[in-house]
Amino acid sequence: MATRQNSTNGKQKSPRIQVVLPEDLCEKLSQLASQESRTVSNMAKVLIQEGIKNHSLRDNLFPEKSETNKTQDFIKALEKQKTQRLKGVPKRLKFKRN
């Protein structure tokens, strides 16, 4: 179970885990982190997120909509909206007369 600590202002910090890595894997993680200008901890978080996403998609554990499906749903929702004509000039725009 991940441990949760309190910060100095009283709010709870994100859960922490501790992982033991072989030397070669730790070196590869450090290299990846420096290539992407990240901390080693943040790089590990990103790789864990990607691994869980790939694993769940492969095994269909947590079905997520792909980005293209989300975009298509958004477009369909926009297309369903009734078109309305603007009443007058938008308030943020001001036209200068010569």
Protein backbone atom coordinates (compact mmCIF):
# COMPACT_ATOMS: atom_id res chain seq x y z
CA MET A 1 0.00 0.00 0.00
CA ALA A 2 1.32 3.45 -0.89
CA THR A 3 2.02 5.74 2.04
CA ARG A 4 0.58 9.23 2.29
CA GLN A 5 2.34 12.04 4.11
CA ASN A 6 1.25 15.50 5.17
CA SER A 7 3.01 18.58 3.85
CA THR A 8 4.04 21.53 6.03
CA ASN A 9 0.78 23.35 5.25
CA GLY A 10 -1.32 20.39 6.42
CA LYS A 11 -2.48 19.17 3.02
CA GLN A 12 -1.92 15.54 2.15
CA LYS A 13 0.82 14.77 -0.34
CA SER A 14 0.34 12.36 -3.22
CA PRO A 15 0.88 8.70 -2.31
CA ARG A 16 4.51 7.56 -2.34
CA ILE A 17 5.92 4.19 -3.30
CA GLN A 18 9.42 2.80 -3.04
CA VAL A 19 10.89 0.63 -5.79
CA VAL A 20 14.20 -1.24 -5.90
CA LEU A 21 15.77 -1.23 -9.39
CA PRO A 22 18.76 -3.05 -10.82
CA GLU A 23 21.73 -0.79 -11.63
CA ASP A 24 21.31 -1.01 -15.43
CA LEU A 25 17.59 -0.19 -15.29
CA CYS A 26 18.24 2.75 -12.98
CA GLU A 27 20.88 4.07 -15.38
CA LYS A 28 18.51 3.79 -18.35
CA LEU A 29 15.80 5.59 -16.38
CA SER A 30 18.23 8.38 -15.52
CA GLN A 31 19.27 8.73 -19.17
CA LEU A 32 15.66 8.92 -20.33
CA ALA A 33 14.91 11.51 -17.66
CA SER A 34 17.81 13.72 -18.71
CA GLN A 35 16.87 13.43 -22.39
CA GLU A 36 13.37 14.69 -21.62
CA SER A 37 14.50 17.25 -19.02
CA ARG A 38 12.59 15.52 -16.25
CA THR A 39 13.45 14.33 -12.80
CA VAL A 40 14.06 10.61 -12.42
CA SER A 41 10.97 10.38 -10.21
CA ASN A 42 8.78 12.16 -12.76
CA MET A 43 10.14 10.01 -15.59
CA ALA A 44 9.29 6.89 -13.58
CA LYS A 45 5.75 8.24 -13.05
CA VAL A 46 5.30 8.88 -16.79
CA LEU A 47 6.58 5.42 -17.72
CA ILE A 48 4.33 3.76 -15.13
CA GLN A 49 1.31 5.68 -16.47
CA GLU A 50 2.12 4.63 -20.04
CA GLY A 51 2.68 1.03 -18.98
CA ILE A 52 -0.63 0.84 -17.12
CA LYS A 53 -2.45 2.44 -20.06
CA ASN A 54 -0.89 0.00 -22.55
CA HIS A 55 -1.52 -2.96 -20.26
CA SER A 56 -5.14 -2.05 -19.64
CA LEU A 57 -5.77 -1.42 -23.35
CA ARG A 58 -4.19 -4.74 -24.24
CA ASP A 59 -6.16 -6.68 -21.64
CA ASN A 60 -9.22 -4.41 -21.93
CA LEU A 61 -9.25 -3.94 -18.14
CA PHE A 62 -10.15 -0.25 -18.08
CA PRO A 63 -11.70 0.52 -21.45
CA GLU A 64 -10.90 4.11 -22.33
CA LYS A 65 -12.03 6.08 -25.30
CA SER A 66 -9.25 6.85 -27.71
CA GLU A 67 -8.43 10.46 -28.50
CA THR A 68 -9.98 10.14 -31.96
CA ASN A 69 -13.24 8.87 -30.46
CA LYS A 70 -13.29 11.74 -27.97
CA THR A 71 -12.72 14.20 -30.80
CA GLN A 72 -15.41 12.63 -32.94
CA ASP A 73 -17.88 12.73 -30.02
CA PHE A 74 -17.06 16.41 -29.48
CA ILE A 75 -17.62 17.19 -33.18
CA LYS A 76 -20.93 15.32 -33.18
CA ALA A 77 -22.09 17.23 -30.09
CA LEU A 78 -21.20 20.53 -31.78
CA GLU A 79 -23.03 19.52 -34.95
CA LYS A 80 -26.16 18.67 -32.95
CA GLN A 81 -26.32 22.16 -31.47
CA LYS A 82 -28.82 24.50 -32.99
CA THR A 83 -27.22 27.35 -34.89
CA GLN A 84 -28.09 30.81 -33.66
CA ARG A 85 -27.57 34.18 -35.24
CA LEU A 86 -25.67 36.76 -33.29
CA LYS A 87 -27.73 39.66 -32.05
CA GLY A 88 -25.72 42.75 -32.84
CA VAL A 89 -22.00 43.23 -32.61
CA PRO A 90 -20.18 41.12 -30.03
CA LYS A 91 -19.47 43.23 -26.96
CA ARG A 92 -15.74 42.54 -26.90
CA LEU A 93 -15.15 43.95 -30.36
CA LYS A 94 -15.20 47.67 -30.95
CA PHE A 95 -15.15 49.16 -34.41
CA LYS A 96 -13.63 52.58 -35.02
CA ARG A 97 -15.28 54.87 -37.52
CA ASN A 98 -13.16 57.18 -39.65
